[in-house]
Amino acid sequence: MPSLRANSAAIRASPHVGFSRTISAIRSFRSLGNFGRPLVTSTARRIPNQAANAVVKLKGSIFEILYCRYVPRLGHNQTIGIIAHKLCRLIWKILHRGIRYEERGPEVKEASKQKRTRKMIQALRRLGYRIEPSPSQSVITA
């Protein structure tokens, strides 16, 4: 079985390698199955991870909120990997679909709190509690 080093050394040795030889070298490398390792190089992984580390430190961003949510469970490295993946998907959508990006930040968190409050009030009503809203906030009475 040919190895990647042997193929890449053969390709580098002759500067005028034909297209068909390059394709056959790539195909033979693919047939190796890469021994279960990902085809992504460390350089290709490093750049999104650096961007994820930078965006996590931005106060009030949605990525900071996600980081605070995931890091206790998964640890720093896996959380940065998740956020890097989300960033890559976001960049892909912006470039390929032409979507405009609008940072919402804590507004998303506030909207989810209001939605959760409504669900909790409905659950209490189903259990038989009477809920009377006050002018400033909803007050729950038993």
C-alpha atoms as a PDB file:
ATOM      1  CA  MET A   1       0.000   0.000   0.000  1.00  0.00           C
ATOM      2  CA  PRO A   2       1.403   3.405  -0.874  1.00  0.00           C
ATOM      3  CA  SER A   3       1.849   5.861   1.925  1.00  0.00           C
ATOM      4  CA  LEU A   4       1.101   9.568   1.892  1.00  0.00           C
ATOM      5  CA  ARG A   5       4.778  10.396   2.407  1.00  0.00           C
ATOM      6  CA  ALA A   6       5.839   8.291  -0.560  1.00  0.00           C
ATOM      7  CA  ASN A   7       3.187   9.900  -2.781  1.00  0.00           C
ATOM      8  CA  SER A   8       3.927  13.440  -1.673  1.00  0.00           C
ATOM      9  CA  ALA A   9       7.675  12.864  -2.040  1.00  0.00           C
ATOM     10  CA  ALA A  10       7.152  11.544  -5.579  1.00  0.00           C
ATOM     11  CA  ILE A  11       4.992  14.513  -6.478  1.00  0.00           C
ATOM     12  CA  ARG A  12       7.504  17.014  -5.075  1.00  0.00           C
ATOM     13  CA  ALA A  13      10.459  15.267  -6.734  1.00  0.00           C
ATOM     14  CA  SER A  14       9.275  15.928 -10.274  1.00  0.00           C
ATOM     15  CA  PRO A  15       8.053  19.502 -10.885  1.00  0.00           C
ATOM     16  CA  HIS A  16       6.201  18.579 -14.103  1.00  0.00           C
ATOM     17  CA  VAL A  17       3.905  15.927 -12.713  1.00  0.00           C
ATOM     18  CA  GLY A  18       0.876  15.402 -14.875  1.00  0.00           C
ATOM     19  CA  PHE A  19      -2.674  15.909 -13.684  1.00  0.00           C
ATOM     20  CA  SER A  20      -3.510  12.210 -13.912  1.00  0.00           C
ATOM     21  CA  ARG A  21      -0.585  11.264 -11.665  1.00  0.00           C
ATOM     22  CA  THR A  22      -1.694  13.800  -9.044  1.00  0.00           C
ATOM     23  CA  ILE A  23      -5.239  12.443  -9.152  1.00  0.00           C
ATOM     24  CA  SER A  24      -3.998   8.870  -8.787  1.00  0.00           C
ATOM     25  CA  ALA A  25      -1.882   9.906  -5.786  1.00  0.00           C
ATOM     26  CA  ILE A  26      -4.931  11.476  -4.160  1.00  0.00           C
ATOM     27  CA  ARG A  27      -7.057   8.409  -4.890  1.00  0.00           C
ATOM     28  CA  SER A  28      -4.456   6.056  -3.442  1.00  0.00           C
ATOM     29  CA  PHE A  29      -4.296   8.202  -0.302  1.00  0.00           C
ATOM     30  CA  ARG A  30      -8.084   8.133   0.007  1.00  0.00           C
ATOM     31  CA  SER A  31      -8.026   4.362  -0.264  1.00  0.00           C
ATOM     32  CA  LEU A  32      -5.899   4.228   2.882  1.00  0.00           C
ATOM     33  CA  GLY A  33      -8.865   5.500   4.869  1.00  0.00           C
ATOM     34  CA  ASN A  34      -6.583   7.913   6.716  1.00  0.00           C
ATOM     35  CA  PHE A  35      -6.429   5.442   9.613  1.00  0.00           C
ATOM     36  CA  GLY A  36      -9.516   6.946  11.275  1.00  0.00           C
ATOM     37  CA  ARG A  37      -8.010  10.409  11.586  1.00  0.00           C
ATOM     38  CA  PRO A  38      -9.822  13.493  10.271  1.00  0.00           C
ATOM     39  CA  LEU A  39      -8.638  15.031   7.025  1.00  0.00           C
ATOM     40  CA  VAL A  40      -8.577  18.501   8.609  1.00  0.00           C
ATOM     41  CA  THR A  41      -5.074  19.747   9.326  1.00  0.00           C
ATOM     42  CA  SER A  42      -4.050  21.432  12.540  1.00  0.00           C
ATOM     43  CA  THR A  43      -3.695  24.760  10.714  1.00  0.00           C
ATOM     44  CA  ALA A  44      -7.244  24.543   9.398  1.00  0.00           C
ATOM     45  CA  ARG A  45      -8.455  23.854  12.931  1.00  0.00           C
ATOM     46  CA  ARG A  46      -6.292  26.485  14.629  1.00  0.00           C
ATOM     47  CA  ILE A  47      -7.714  29.536  12.834  1.00  0.00           C
ATOM     48  CA  PRO A  48     -11.415  28.919  13.722  1.00  0.00           C
ATOM     49  CA  ASN A  49     -10.385  28.078  17.292  1.00  0.00           C
ATOM     50  CA  GLN A  50      -8.506  31.368  17.602  1.00  0.00           C
ATOM     51  CA  ALA A  51     -11.547  33.213  16.260  1.00  0.00           C
ATOM     52  CA  ALA A  52     -13.773  31.349  18.734  1.00  0.00           C
ATOM     53  CA  ASN A  53     -11.477  32.281  21.643  1.00  0.00           C
ATOM     54  CA  ALA A  54     -11.652  35.930  20.558  1.00  0.00           C
ATOM     55  CA  VAL A  55     -15.415  36.064  20.087  1.00  0.00           C
ATOM     56  CA  VAL A  56     -16.038  34.391  23.457  1.00  0.00           C
ATOM     57  CA  LYS A  57     -14.287  37.277  25.207  1.00  0.00           C
ATOM     58  CA  LEU A  58     -16.611  39.836  23.579  1.00  0.00           C
ATOM     59  CA  LYS A  59     -18.979  40.906  26.353  1.00  0.00           C
ATOM     60  CA  GLY A  60     -22.675  40.623  25.586  1.00  0.00           C
ATOM     61  CA  SER A  61     -22.331  38.469  22.470  1.00  0.00           C
ATOM     62  CA  ILE A  62     -24.370  35.356  21.867  1.00  0.00           C
ATOM     63  CA  PHE A  63     -21.144  33.357  21.757  1.00  0.00           C
ATOM     64  CA  GLU A  64     -20.228  34.490  25.281  1.00  0.00           C
ATOM     65  CA  ILE A  65     -23.630  33.285  26.475  1.00  0.00           C
ATOM     66  CA  LEU A  66     -23.119  29.925  24.751  1.00  0.00           C
ATOM     67  CA  TYR A  67     -19.635  29.641  26.227  1.00  0.00           C
ATOM     68  CA  CYS A  68     -20.928  30.239  29.763  1.00  0.00           C
ATOM     69  CA  ARG A  69     -23.651  27.646  29.187  1.00  0.00           C
ATOM     70  CA  TYR A  70     -21.413  24.877  27.795  1.00  0.00           C
ATOM     71  CA  VAL A  71     -18.096  25.276  29.648  1.00  0.00           C
ATOM     72  CA  PRO A  72     -19.172  23.785  33.028  1.00  0.00           C
ATOM     73  CA  ARG A  73     -20.294  20.584  31.322  1.00  0.00           C
ATOM     74  CA  LEU A  74     -17.765  20.174  28.533  1.00  0.00           C
ATOM     75  CA  GLY A  75     -14.660  22.101  29.544  1.00  0.00           C
ATOM     76  CA  HIS A  76     -12.864  24.879  27.693  1.00  0.00           C
ATOM     77  CA  ASN A  77     -11.423  22.927  24.740  1.00  0.00           C
ATOM     78  CA  GLN A  78     -14.622  21.179  23.667  1.00  0.00           C
ATOM     79  CA  THR A  79     -16.639  24.371  24.166  1.00  0.00           C
ATOM     80  CA  ILE A  80     -14.253  26.326  21.947  1.00  0.00           C
ATOM     81  CA  GLY A  81     -14.575  23.550  19.359  1.00  0.00           C
ATOM     82  CA  ILE A  82     -18.372  23.869  19.418  1.00  0.00           C
ATOM     83  CA  ILE A  83     -18.239  27.647  19.087  1.00  0.00           C
ATOM     84  CA  ALA A  84     -15.665  27.405  16.283  1.00  0.00           C
ATOM     85  CA  HIS A  85     -18.030  25.058  14.458  1.00  0.00           C
ATOM     86  CA  LYS A  86     -20.924  27.487  14.941  1.00  0.00           C
ATOM     87  CA  LEU A  87     -18.757  30.326  13.637  1.00  0.00           C
ATOM     88  CA  CYS A  88     -17.798  28.322  10.556  1.00  0.00           C
ATOM     89  CA  ARG A  89     -21.441  27.541   9.840  1.00  0.00           C
ATOM     90  CA  LEU A  90     -22.354  31.193  10.319  1.00  0.00           C
ATOM     91  CA  ILE A  91     -19.605  32.349   7.952  1.00  0.00           C
ATOM     92  CA  TRP A  92     -20.704  29.783   5.379  1.00  0.00           C
ATOM     93  CA  LYS A  93     -24.308  31.036   5.518  1.00  0.00           C
ATOM     94  CA  ILE A  94     -23.199  34.652   5.193  1.00  0.00           C
ATOM     95  CA  LEU A  95     -20.981  33.913   2.181  1.00  0.00           C
ATOM     96  CA  HIS A  96     -23.115  31.373   0.307  1.00  0.00           C
ATOM     97  CA  ARG A  97     -26.666  32.414   1.077  1.00  0.00           C
ATOM     98  CA  GLY A  98     -26.076  36.145   1.351  1.00  0.00           C
ATOM     99  CA  ILE A  99     -27.673  36.372   4.791  1.00  0.00           C
ATOM    100  CA  ARG A 100     -27.048  39.541   6.779  1.00  0.00           C
ATOM    101  CA  TYR A 101     -25.763  38.895  10.286  1.00  0.00           C
ATOM    102  CA  GLU A 102     -27.259  40.811  13.170  1.00  0.00           C
ATOM    103  CA  GLU A 103     -25.796  40.279  16.624  1.00  0.00           C
ATOM    104  CA  ARG A 104     -28.640  39.982  19.101  1.00  0.00           C
ATOM    105  CA  GLY A 105     -26.718  39.172  22.249  1.00  0.00           C
ATOM    106  CA  PRO A 106     -28.641  39.356  25.526  1.00  0.00           C
ATOM    107  CA  GLU A 107     -31.925  40.187  23.747  1.00  0.00           C
ATOM    108  CA  VAL A 108     -32.193  36.543  22.833  1.00  0.00           C
ATOM    109  CA  LYS A 109     -31.685  35.620  26.453  1.00  0.00           C
ATOM    110  CA  GLU A 110     -34.391  38.076  27.591  1.00  0.00           C
ATOM    111  CA  ALA A 111     -36.880  36.749  25.042  1.00  0.00           C
ATOM    112  CA  SER A 112     -36.229  33.181  26.170  1.00  0.00           C
ATOM    113  CA  LYS A 113     -36.795  34.205  29.798  1.00  0.00           C
ATOM    114  CA  GLN A 114     -40.176  35.689  28.904  1.00  0.00           C
ATOM    115  CA  LYS A 115     -41.133  32.583  26.954  1.00  0.00           C
ATOM    116  CA  ARG A 116     -40.115  30.362  29.870  1.00  0.00           C
ATOM    117  CA  THR A 117     -42.141  32.533  32.281  1.00  0.00           C
ATOM    118  CA  ARG A 118     -45.252  32.143  30.128  1.00  0.00           C
ATOM    119  CA  LYS A 119     -44.794  28.351  30.043  1.00  0.00           C
ATOM    120  CA  MET A 120     -44.368  28.211  33.822  1.00  0.00           C
ATOM    121  CA  ILE A 121     -47.520  30.292  34.354  1.00  0.00           C
ATOM    122  CA  GLN A 122     -49.504  27.958  32.095  1.00  0.00           C
ATOM    123  CA  ALA A 123     -48.182  24.944  34.010  1.00  0.00           C
ATOM    124  CA  LEU A 124     -49.206  26.494  37.327  1.00  0.00           C
ATOM    125  CA  ARG A 125     -52.692  27.229  35.981  1.00  0.00           C
ATOM    126  CA  ARG A 126     -53.050  23.592  34.928  1.00  0.00           C
ATOM    127  CA  LEU A 127     -52.135  22.569  38.476  1.00  0.00           C
ATOM    128  CA  GLY A 128     -54.920  24.759  39.860  1.00  0.00           C
ATOM    129  CA  TYR A 129     -53.058  27.886  40.965  1.00  0.00           C
ATOM    130  CA  ARG A 130     -54.596  31.283  40.336  1.00  0.00           C
ATOM    131  CA  ILE A 131     -52.263  33.846  38.834  1.00  0.00           C
ATOM    132  CA  GLU A 132     -53.015  37.559  38.981  1.00  0.00           C
ATOM    133  CA  PRO A 133     -50.714  39.859  37.003  1.00  0.00           C
ATOM    134  CA  SER A 134     -49.672  43.161  38.589  1.00  0.00           C
ATOM    135  CA  PRO A 135     -48.968  46.329  36.572  1.00  0.00           C
ATOM    136  CA  SER A 136     -45.190  46.004  36.886  1.00  0.00           C
ATOM    137  CA  GLN A 137     -44.687  42.225  36.761  1.00  0.00           C
ATOM    138  CA  SER A 138     -46.640  39.024  36.945  1.00  0.00           C
ATOM    139  CA  VAL A 139     -47.218  38.013  40.567  1.00  0.00           C
ATOM    140  CA  ILE A 140     -47.922  34.374  41.262  1.00  0.00           C
ATOM    141  CA  THR A 141     -50.328  33.685  44.128  1.00  0.00           C
ATOM    142  CA  ALA A 142     -51.306  30.312  45.502  1.00  0.00           C
END
